[in-house]
Amino acid sequence: MGLSENQLLAVTVSARTMSVLSLAGSLFIMGTFLRWEYFRKPINRIVFYASFGNVMANVATLISTSALSSPLSTLCEFQGILVQWFMAADSLWVSHEN
């Protein structure tokens, strides 16, 4: 009782679409932080650093099911590393400051 091909495609397309939007948001945050000195406050610095983790996590979600061509492929291992290192980056950055 798994998902049908159409359902898997819908999940993949939505994940990749949201990853592109998140990537655009992260790049906007980084650009804003670097461009205008007004935004270089300590709280914004946390968001700036967390954006790097978001970019890497988005790369992992953009890879999506493409890494499943071979379970032991280098792309699959790279995606696994990105997921393990960067998916929890936001939580760790926020908890570090508390």
PDB file of N, CA and C in Angstrom:
ATOM      1  N   MET A   1       0.834  -1.190   0.000  1.00  0.00           N
ATOM      2  CA  MET A   1       0.000   0.000   0.000  1.00  0.00           C
ATOM      3  C   MET A   1       0.872   1.245   0.000  1.00  0.00           C
ATOM      4  N   GLY A   2       1.802   1.316  -0.919  1.00  0.00           N
ATOM      5  CA  GLY A   2       2.629   2.506  -1.029  1.00  0.00           C
ATOM      6  C   GLY A   2       1.942   3.568  -1.863  1.00  0.00           C
ATOM      7  N   LEU A   3       2.671   4.607  -2.119  1.00  0.00           N
ATOM      8  CA  LEU A   3       2.150   5.693  -2.939  1.00  0.00           C
ATOM      9  C   LEU A   3       2.215   5.305  -4.419  1.00  0.00           C
ATOM     10  N   SER A   4       1.268   5.813  -5.181  1.00  0.00           N
ATOM     11  CA  SER A   4       1.279   5.567  -6.620  1.00  0.00           C
ATOM     12  C   SER A   4       2.355   6.438  -7.272  1.00  0.00           C
ATOM     13  N   GLU A   5       2.642   6.169  -8.538  1.00  0.00           N
ATOM     14  CA  GLU A   5       3.628   6.962  -9.271  1.00  0.00           C
ATOM     15  C   GLU A   5       3.241   8.438  -9.327  1.00  0.00           C
ATOM     16  N   ASN A   6       1.967   8.709  -9.546  1.00  0.00           N
ATOM     17  CA  ASN A   6       1.490  10.104  -9.596  1.00  0.00           C
ATOM     18  C   ASN A   6       1.643  10.790  -8.248  1.00  0.00           C
ATOM     19  N   GLN A   7       1.373  10.064  -7.171  1.00  0.00           N
ATOM     20  CA  GLN A   7       1.527  10.647  -5.840  1.00  0.00           C
ATOM     21  C   GLN A   7       2.998  10.913  -5.530  1.00  0.00           C
ATOM     22  N   LEU A   8       3.872   9.993  -5.906  1.00  0.00           N
ATOM     23  CA  LEU A   8       5.306  10.210  -5.698  1.00  0.00           C
ATOM     24  C   LEU A   8       5.803  11.408  -6.506  1.00  0.00           C
ATOM     25  N   LEU A   9       5.317  11.535  -7.718  1.00  0.00           N
ATOM     26  CA  LEU A   9       5.698  12.682  -8.543  1.00  0.00           C
ATOM     27  C   LEU A   9       5.208  13.984  -7.915  1.00  0.00           C
ATOM     28  N   ALA A  10       3.999  13.988  -7.388  1.00  0.00           N
ATOM     29  CA  ALA A  10       3.453  15.187  -6.746  1.00  0.00           C
ATOM     30  C   ALA A  10       4.282  15.579  -5.520  1.00  0.00           C
ATOM     31  N   VAL A  11       4.693  14.610  -4.731  1.00  0.00           N
ATOM     32  CA  VAL A  11       5.524  14.888  -3.556  1.00  0.00           C
ATOM     33  C   VAL A  11       6.882  15.440  -3.984  1.00  0.00           C
ATOM     34  N   THR A  12       7.473  14.839  -4.998  1.00  0.00           N
ATOM     35  CA  THR A  12       8.774  15.295  -5.488  1.00  0.00           C
ATOM     36  C   THR A  12       8.698  16.711  -6.038  1.00  0.00           C
ATOM     37  N   VAL A  13       7.692  16.988  -6.843  1.00  0.00           N
ATOM     38  CA  VAL A  13       7.544  18.332  -7.425  1.00  0.00           C
ATOM     39  C   VAL A  13       7.301  19.374  -6.342  1.00  0.00           C
ATOM     40  N   SER A  14       6.456  19.065  -5.377  1.00  0.00           N
ATOM     41  CA  SER A  14       6.179  20.042  -4.321  1.00  0.00           C
ATOM     42  C   SER A  14       7.405  20.270  -3.446  1.00  0.00           C
ATOM     43  N   ALA A  15       8.159  19.215  -3.139  1.00  0.00           N
ATOM     44  CA  ALA A  15       9.370  19.380  -2.326  1.00  0.00           C
ATOM     45  C   ALA A  15      10.400  20.227  -3.050  1.00  0.00           C
ATOM     46  N   ARG A  16      10.577  19.972  -4.330  1.00  0.00           N
ATOM     47  CA  ARG A  16      11.547  20.759  -5.095  1.00  0.00           C
ATOM     48  C   ARG A  16      11.093  22.207  -5.267  1.00  0.00           C
ATOM     49  N   THR A  17       9.814  22.421  -5.471  1.00  0.00           N
ATOM     50  CA  THR A  17       9.288  23.781  -5.608  1.00  0.00           C
ATOM     51  C   THR A  17       9.501  24.573  -4.320  1.00  0.00           C
ATOM     52  N   MET A  18       9.175  23.974  -3.199  1.00  0.00           N
ATOM     53  CA  MET A  18       9.352  24.658  -1.918  1.00  0.00           C
ATOM     54  C   MET A  18      10.832  24.873  -1.606  1.00  0.00           C
ATOM     55  N   SER A  19      11.686  23.964  -2.045  1.00  0.00           N
ATOM     56  CA  SER A  19      13.120  24.136  -1.845  1.00  0.00           C
ATOM     57  C   SER A  19      13.648  25.317  -2.634  1.00  0.00           C
ATOM     58  N   VAL A  20      13.162  25.500  -3.850  1.00  0.00           N
ATOM     59  CA  VAL A  20      13.583  26.647  -4.658  1.00  0.00           C
ATOM     60  C   VAL A  20      13.135  27.950  -3.997  1.00  0.00           C
ATOM     61  N   LEU A  21      11.909  27.986  -3.496  1.00  0.00           N
ATOM     62  CA  LEU A  21      11.425  29.198  -2.813  1.00  0.00           C
ATOM     63  C   LEU A  21      12.227  29.466  -1.537  1.00  0.00           C
ATOM     64  N   SER A  22      12.526  28.419  -0.790  1.00  0.00           N
ATOM     65  CA  SER A  22      13.324  28.571   0.422  1.00  0.00           C
ATOM     66  C   SER A  22      14.743  29.019   0.095  1.00  0.00           C
ATOM     67  N   LEU A  23      15.294  28.481  -0.973  1.00  0.00           N
ATOM     68  CA  LEU A  23      16.628  28.890  -1.407  1.00  0.00           C
ATOM     69  C   LEU A  23      16.640  30.361  -1.795  1.00  0.00           C
ATOM     70  N   ALA A  24      15.620  30.806  -2.502  1.00  0.00           N
ATOM     71  CA  ALA A  24      15.519  32.232  -2.860  1.00  0.00           C
ATOM     72  C   ALA A  24      15.414  33.096  -1.606  1.00  0.00           C
ATOM     73  N   GLY A  25      14.642  32.660  -0.624  1.00  0.00           N
ATOM     74  CA  GLY A  25      14.528  33.403   0.630  1.00  0.00           C
ATOM     75  C   GLY A  25      15.839  33.470   1.383  1.00  0.00           C
ATOM     76  N   SER A  26      16.558  32.356   1.422  1.00  0.00           N
ATOM     77  CA  SER A  26      17.857  32.340   2.104  1.00  0.00           C
ATOM     78  C   SER A  26      18.847  33.269   1.419  1.00  0.00           C
ATOM     79  N   LEU A  27      18.867  33.257   0.099  1.00  0.00           N
ATOM     80  CA  LEU A  27      19.770  34.151  -0.623  1.00  0.00           C
ATOM     81  C   LEU A  27      19.387  35.614  -0.427  1.00  0.00           C
ATOM     82  N   PHE A  28      18.084  35.888  -0.319  1.00  0.00           N
ATOM     83  CA  PHE A  28      17.626  37.249  -0.029  1.00  0.00           C
ATOM     84  C   PHE A  28      18.099  37.690   1.355  1.00  0.00           C
ATOM     85  N   ILE A  29      17.991  36.801   2.334  1.00  0.00           N
ATOM     86  CA  ILE A  29      18.449  37.115   3.698  1.00  0.00           C
ATOM     87  C   ILE A  29      19.941  37.404   3.700  1.00  0.00           C
ATOM     88  N   MET A  30      20.725  36.545   3.046  1.00  0.00           N
ATOM     89  CA  MET A  30      22.175  36.749   3.002  1.00  0.00           C
ATOM     90  C   MET A  30      22.536  38.058   2.310  1.00  0.00           C
ATOM     91  N   GLY A  31      21.880  38.318   1.179  1.00  0.00           N
ATOM     92  CA  GLY A  31      22.154  39.554   0.454  1.00  0.00           C
ATOM     93  C   GLY A  31      21.797  40.792   1.250  1.00  0.00           C
ATOM     94  N   THR A  32      20.664  40.750   1.923  1.00  0.00           N
ATOM     95  CA  THR A  32      20.242  41.882   2.745  1.00  0.00           C
ATOM     96  C   THR A  32      21.217  42.118   3.885  1.00  0.00           C
ATOM     97  N   PHE A  33      21.633  41.054   4.544  1.00  0.00           N
ATOM     98  CA  PHE A  33      22.572  41.176   5.657  1.00  0.00           C
ATOM     99  C   PHE A  33      23.902  41.766   5.189  1.00  0.00           C
ATOM    100  N   LEU A  34      24.383  41.302   4.050  1.00  0.00           N
ATOM    101  CA  LEU A  34      25.674  41.773   3.555  1.00  0.00           C
ATOM    102  C   LEU A  34      25.608  43.174   2.944  1.00  0.00           C
ATOM    103  N   ARG A  35      24.486  43.522   2.365  1.00  0.00           N
ATOM    104  CA  ARG A  35      24.364  44.794   1.647  1.00  0.00           C
ATOM    105  C   ARG A  35      24.145  45.986   2.569  1.00  0.00           C
ATOM    106  N   TRP A  36      23.269  45.858   3.549  1.00  0.00           N
ATOM    107  CA  TRP A  36      22.906  46.993   4.401  1.00  0.00           C
ATOM    108  C   TRP A  36      23.395  46.780   5.831  1.00  0.00           C
ATOM    109  N   GLU A  37      24.170  47.739   6.292  1.00  0.00           N
ATOM    110  CA  GLU A  37      24.744  47.654   7.634  1.00  0.00           C
ATOM    111  C   GLU A  37      23.669  47.717   8.721  1.00  0.00           C
ATOM    112  N   TYR A  38      22.541  48.315   8.407  1.00  0.00           N
ATOM    113  CA  TYR A  38      21.436  48.416   9.367  1.00  0.00           C
ATOM    114  C   TYR A  38      21.003  47.033   9.868  1.00  0.00           C
ATOM    115  N   PHE A  39      21.096  46.040   9.023  1.00  0.00           N
ATOM    116  CA  PHE A  39      20.642  44.700   9.374  1.00  0.00           C
ATOM    117  C   PHE A  39      21.699  43.863  10.086  1.00  0.00           C
ATOM    118  N   ARG A  40      22.868  44.407  10.319  1.00  0.00           N
ATOM    119  CA  ARG A  40      23.946  43.642  10.957  1.00  0.00           C
ATOM    120  C   ARG A  40      23.884  43.745  12.471  1.00  0.00           C
ATOM    121  N   LYS A  41      22.808  43.235  13.015  1.00  0.00           N
ATOM    122  CA  LYS A  41      22.621  43.187  14.462  1.00  0.00           C
ATOM    123  C   LYS A  41      22.805  41.742  14.911  1.00  0.00           C
ATOM    124  N   PRO A  42      23.086  41.531  16.208  1.00  0.00           N
ATOM    125  CA  PRO A  42      23.340  40.156  16.673  1.00  0.00           C
ATOM    126  C   PRO A  42      22.218  39.165  16.338  1.00  0.00           C
ATOM    127  N   ILE A  43      20.976  39.550  16.474  1.00  0.00           N
ATOM    128  CA  ILE A  43      19.886  38.614  16.198  1.00  0.00           C
ATOM    129  C   ILE A  43      19.832  38.276  14.710  1.00  0.00           C
ATOM    130  N   ASN A  44      20.129  39.246  13.869  1.00  0.00           N
ATOM    131  CA  ASN A  44      20.141  38.993  12.426  1.00  0.00           C
ATOM    132  C   ASN A  44      21.339  38.152  12.010  1.00  0.00           C
ATOM    133  N   ARG A  45      22.418  38.233  12.775  1.00  0.00           N
ATOM    134  CA  ARG A  45      23.590  37.412  12.484  1.00  0.00           C
ATOM    135  C   ARG A  45      23.254  35.932  12.645  1.00  0.00           C
ATOM    136  N   ILE A  46      22.437  35.605  13.625  1.00  0.00           N
ATOM    137  CA  ILE A  46      22.011  34.213  13.815  1.00  0.00           C
ATOM    138  C   ILE A  46      21.232  33.735  12.593  1.00  0.00           C
ATOM    139  N   VAL A  47      20.333  34.566  12.117  1.00  0.00           N
ATOM    140  CA  VAL A  47      19.538  34.217  10.933  1.00  0.00           C
ATOM    141  C   VAL A  47      20.443  34.100   9.712  1.00  0.00           C
ATOM    142  N   PHE A  48      21.429  34.981   9.604  1.00  0.00           N
ATOM    143  CA  PHE A  48      22.371  34.932   8.485  1.00  0.00           C
ATOM    144  C   PHE A  48      23.128  33.607   8.475  1.00  0.00           C
ATOM    145  N   TYR A  49      23.656  33.200   9.615  1.00  0.00           N
ATOM    146  CA  TYR A  49      24.390  31.934   9.683  1.00  0.00           C
ATOM    147  C   TYR A  49      23.463  30.730   9.466  1.00  0.00           C
ATOM    148  N   ALA A  50      22.257  30.812   9.977  1.00  0.00           N
ATOM    149  CA  ALA A  50      21.297  29.722   9.773  1.00  0.00           C
ATOM    150  C   ALA A  50      20.940  29.577   8.299  1.00  0.00           C
ATOM    151  N   SER A  51      21.024  30.669   7.555  1.00  0.00           N
ATOM    152  CA  SER A  51      20.715  30.619   6.131  1.00  0.00           C
ATOM    153  C   SER A  51      21.684  29.724   5.367  1.00  0.00           C
ATOM    154  N   PHE A  52      22.930  29.647   5.809  1.00  0.00           N
ATOM    155  CA  PHE A  52      23.881  28.741   5.170  1.00  0.00           C
ATOM    156  C   PHE A  52      23.431  27.288   5.334  1.00  0.00           C
ATOM    157  N   GLY A  53      22.976  26.960   6.532  1.00  0.00           N
ATOM    158  CA  GLY A  53      22.436  25.625   6.755  1.00  0.00           C
ATOM    159  C   GLY A  53      21.201  25.362   5.914  1.00  0.00           C
ATOM    160  N   ASN A  54      20.363  26.379   5.781  1.00  0.00           N
ATOM    161  CA  ASN A  54      19.166  26.240   4.940  1.00  0.00           C
ATOM    162  C   ASN A  54      19.531  25.989   3.485  1.00  0.00           C
ATOM    163  N   VAL A  55      20.525  26.689   2.987  1.00  0.00           N
ATOM    164  CA  VAL A  55      20.944  26.496   1.598  1.00  0.00           C
ATOM    165  C   VAL A  55      21.399  25.059   1.386  1.00  0.00           C
ATOM    166  N   MET A  56      22.196  24.551   2.295  1.00  0.00           N
ATOM    167  CA  MET A  56      22.694  23.177   2.147  1.00  0.00           C
ATOM    168  C   MET A  56      21.562  22.156   2.296  1.00  0.00           C
ATOM    169  N   ALA A  57      20.634  22.399   3.206  1.00  0.00           N
ATOM    170  CA  ALA A  57      19.485  21.501   3.348  1.00  0.00           C
ATOM    171  C   ALA A  57      18.615  21.540   2.100  1.00  0.00           C
ATOM    172  N   ASN A  58      18.488  22.714   1.496  1.00  0.00           N
ATOM    173  CA  ASN A  58      17.715  22.833   0.261  1.00  0.00           C
ATOM    174  C   ASN A  58      18.389  22.109  -0.894  1.00  0.00           C
ATOM    175  N   VAL A  59      19.703  22.100  -0.919  1.00  0.00           N
ATOM    176  CA  VAL A  59      20.413  21.325  -1.941  1.00  0.00           C
ATOM    177  C   VAL A  59      20.054  19.847  -1.782  1.00  0.00           C
ATOM    178  N   ALA A  60      19.996  19.380  -0.543  1.00  0.00           N
ATOM    179  CA  ALA A  60      19.635  17.978  -0.295  1.00  0.00           C
ATOM    180  C   ALA A  60      18.216  17.677  -0.758  1.00  0.00           C
ATOM    181  N   THR A  61      17.292  18.583  -0.497  1.00  0.00           N
ATOM    182  CA  THR A  61      15.914  18.322  -0.923  1.00  0.00           C
ATOM    183  C   THR A  61      15.731  18.521  -2.424  1.00  0.00           C
ATOM    184  N   LEU A  62      16.569  19.343  -3.042  1.00  0.00           N
ATOM    185  CA  LEU A  62      16.514  19.475  -4.493  1.00  0.00           C
ATOM    186  C   LEU A  62      17.009  18.206  -5.192  1.00  0.00           C
ATOM    187  N   ILE A  63      17.937  17.520  -4.575  1.00  0.00           N
ATOM    188  CA  ILE A  63      18.405  16.245  -5.121  1.00  0.00           C
ATOM    189  C   ILE A  63      17.246  15.261  -5.132  1.00  0.00           C
ATOM    190  N   SER A  64      16.433  15.300  -4.093  1.00  0.00           N
ATOM    191  CA  SER A  64      15.211  14.507  -3.981  1.00  0.00           C
ATOM    192  C   SER A  64      15.465  13.036  -4.283  1.00  0.00           C
ATOM    193  N   THR A  65      14.659  12.465  -5.140  1.00  0.00           N
ATOM    194  CA  THR A  65      14.763  11.037  -5.444  1.00  0.00           C
ATOM    195  C   THR A  65      15.793  10.729  -6.525  1.00  0.00           C
ATOM    196  N   SER A  66      16.478  11.742  -7.027  1.00  0.00           N
ATOM    197  CA  SER A  66      17.503  11.507  -8.042  1.00  0.00           C
ATOM    198  C   SER A  66      18.648  10.656  -7.503  1.00  0.00           C
ATOM    199  N   ALA A  67      18.856  10.694  -6.208  1.00  0.00           N
ATOM    200  CA  ALA A  67      19.944   9.926  -5.603  1.00  0.00           C
ATOM    201  C   ALA A  67      19.606   8.454  -5.449  1.00  0.00           C
ATOM    202  N   LEU A  68      18.382   8.073  -5.770  1.00  0.00           N
ATOM    203  CA  LEU A  68      17.962   6.683  -5.576  1.00  0.00           C
ATOM    204  C   LEU A  68      18.283   5.778  -6.755  1.00  0.00           C
ATOM    205  N   SER A  69      18.981   6.290  -7.749  1.00  0.00           N
ATOM    206  CA  SER A  69      19.315   5.463  -8.906  1.00  0.00           C
ATOM    207  C   SER A  69      20.140   4.255  -8.490  1.00  0.00           C
ATOM    208  N   SER A  70      21.012   4.445  -7.530  1.00  0.00           N
ATOM    209  CA  SER A  70      21.794   3.354  -6.968  1.00  0.00           C
ATOM    210  C   SER A  70      21.958   3.636  -5.488  1.00  0.00           C
ATOM    211  N   PRO A  71      21.582   2.703  -4.634  1.00  0.00           N
ATOM    212  CA  PRO A  71      21.629   2.962  -3.189  1.00  0.00           C
ATOM    213  C   PRO A  71      23.017   3.324  -2.668  1.00  0.00           C
ATOM    214  N   LEU A  72      24.063   2.885  -3.337  1.00  0.00           N
ATOM    215  CA  LEU A  72      25.411   3.179  -2.869  1.00  0.00           C
ATOM    216  C   LEU A  72      26.104   4.230  -3.720  1.00  0.00           C
ATOM    217  N   SER A  73      25.323   5.042  -4.403  1.00  0.00           N
ATOM    218  CA  SER A  73      25.916   6.068  -5.264  1.00  0.00           C
ATOM    219  C   SER A  73      26.521   7.193  -4.432  1.00  0.00           C
ATOM    220  N   THR A  74      27.449   7.895  -5.032  1.00  0.00           N
ATOM    221  CA  THR A  74      28.087   9.030  -4.373  1.00  0.00           C
ATOM    222  C   THR A  74      27.073  10.142  -4.109  1.00  0.00           C
ATOM    223  N   LEU A  75      26.139  10.346  -5.045  1.00  0.00           N
ATOM    224  CA  LEU A  75      25.110  11.365  -4.860  1.00  0.00           C
ATOM    225  C   LEU A  75      24.233  11.041  -3.654  1.00  0.00           C
ATOM    226  N   CYS A  76      23.907   9.766  -3.479  1.00  0.00           N
ATOM    227  CA  CYS A  76      23.107   9.340  -2.335  1.00  0.00           C
ATOM    228  C   CYS A  76      23.849   9.599  -1.018  1.00  0.00           C
ATOM    229  N   GLU A  77      25.138   9.293  -1.005  1.00  0.00           N
ATOM    230  CA  GLU A  77      25.943   9.541   0.199  1.00  0.00           C
ATOM    231  C   GLU A  77      26.057  11.034   0.483  1.00  0.00           C
ATOM    232  N   PHE A  78      26.258  11.834  -0.564  1.00  0.00           N
ATOM    233  CA  PHE A  78      26.345  13.291  -0.413  1.00  0.00           C
ATOM    234  C   PHE A  78      25.037  13.854   0.137  1.00  0.00           C
ATOM    235  N   GLN A  79      23.922  13.375  -0.397  1.00  0.00           N
ATOM    236  CA  GLN A  79      22.615  13.819   0.085  1.00  0.00           C
ATOM    237  C   GLN A  79      22.432  13.424   1.550  1.00  0.00           C
ATOM    238  N   GLY A  80      22.844  12.232   1.915  1.00  0.00           N
ATOM    239  CA  GLY A  80      22.743  11.794   3.304  1.00  0.00           C
ATOM    240  C   GLY A  80      23.554  12.663   4.247  1.00  0.00           C
ATOM    241  N   ILE A  81      24.742  13.046   3.815  1.00  0.00           N
ATOM    242  CA  ILE A  81      25.581  13.929   4.635  1.00  0.00           C
ATOM    243  C   ILE A  81      24.900  15.285   4.814  1.00  0.00           C
ATOM    244  N   LEU A  82      24.373  15.833   3.730  1.00  0.00           N
ATOM    245  CA  LEU A  82      23.698  17.129   3.824  1.00  0.00           C
ATOM    246  C   LEU A  82      22.493  17.062   4.753  1.00  0.00           C
ATOM    247  N   VAL A  83      21.715  15.997   4.643  1.00  0.00           N
ATOM    248  CA  VAL A  83      20.530  15.847   5.501  1.00  0.00           C
ATOM    249  C   VAL A  83      20.957  15.753   6.964  1.00  0.00           C
ATOM    250  N   GLN A  84      21.967  14.937   7.258  1.00  0.00           N
ATOM    251  CA  GLN A  84      22.392  14.748   8.643  1.00  0.00           C
ATOM    252  C   GLN A  84      23.009  16.008   9.241  1.00  0.00           C
ATOM    253  N   TRP A  85      23.748  16.761   8.460  1.00  0.00           N
ATOM    254  CA  TRP A  85      24.436  17.932   8.986  1.00  0.00           C
ATOM    255  C   TRP A  85      23.562  19.172   9.039  1.00  0.00           C
ATOM    256  N   PHE A  86      22.705  19.374   8.056  1.00  0.00           N
ATOM    257  CA  PHE A  86      22.081  20.681   7.909  1.00  0.00           C
ATOM    258  C   PHE A  86      20.581  20.740   8.146  1.00  0.00           C
ATOM    259  N   MET A  87      19.887  19.635   8.197  1.00  0.00           N
ATOM    260  CA  MET A  87      18.435  19.704   8.426  1.00  0.00           C
ATOM    261  C   MET A  87      18.118  20.258   9.816  1.00  0.00           C
ATOM    262  N   ALA A  88      18.957  19.979  10.778  1.00  0.00           N
ATOM    263  CA  ALA A  88      18.718  20.465  12.146  1.00  0.00           C
ATOM    264  C   ALA A  88      19.482  21.755  12.442  1.00  0.00           C
ATOM    265  N   ALA A  89      20.090  22.352  11.434  1.00  0.00           N
ATOM    266  CA  ALA A  89      20.933  23.531  11.664  1.00  0.00           C
ATOM    267  C   ALA A  89      20.161  24.690  12.293  1.00  0.00           C
ATOM    268  N   ASP A  90      18.941  24.950  11.843  1.00  0.00           N
ATOM    269  CA  ASP A  90      18.153  26.048  12.408  1.00  0.00           C
ATOM    270  C   ASP A  90      17.931  25.869  13.901  1.00  0.00           C
ATOM    271  N   SER A  91      17.523  24.685  14.276  1.00  0.00           N
ATOM    272  CA  SER A  91      17.265  24.412  15.693  1.00  0.00           C
ATOM    273  C   SER A  91      18.526  24.577  16.527  1.00  0.00           C
ATOM    274  N   LEU A  92      19.640  24.117  16.011  1.00  0.00           N
ATOM    275  CA  LEU A  92      20.891  24.222  16.764  1.00  0.00           C
ATOM    276  C   LEU A  92      21.365  25.667  16.876  1.00  0.00           C
ATOM    277  N   TRP A  93      21.222  26.453  15.816  1.00  0.00           N
ATOM    278  CA  TRP A  93      21.624  27.853  15.891  1.00  0.00           C
ATOM    279  C   TRP A  93      20.784  28.606  16.900  1.00  0.00           C
ATOM    280  N   VAL A  94      19.486  28.358  16.899  1.00  0.00           N
ATOM    281  CA  VAL A  94      18.578  29.062  17.819  1.00  0.00           C
ATOM    282  C   VAL A  94      18.841  28.634  19.255  1.00  0.00           C
ATOM    283  N   SER A  95      19.020  27.345  19.485  1.00  0.00           N
ATOM    284  CA  SER A  95      19.237  26.869  20.854  1.00  0.00           C
ATOM    285  C   SER A  95      20.592  27.302  21.395  1.00  0.00           C
ATOM    286  N   HIS A  96      21.530  27.572  20.514  1.00  0.00           N
ATOM    287  CA  HIS A  96      22.874  28.007  20.939  1.00  0.00           C
ATOM    288  C   HIS A  96      22.801  29.364  21.631  1.00  0.00           C
ATOM    289  N   GLU A  97      21.916  30.226  21.192  1.00  0.00           N
ATOM    290  CA  GLU A  97      21.839  31.570  21.737  1.00  0.00           C
ATOM    291  C   GLU A  97      20.986  31.673  22.999  1.00  0.00           C
ATOM    292  N   ASN A  98      20.256  30.621  23.341  1.00  0.00           N
ATOM    293  CA  ASN A  98      19.374  30.696  24.514  1.00  0.00           C
ATOM    294  C   ASN A  98      20.095  30.380  25.780  1.00  0.00           C
TER     295      ASN A  98
END
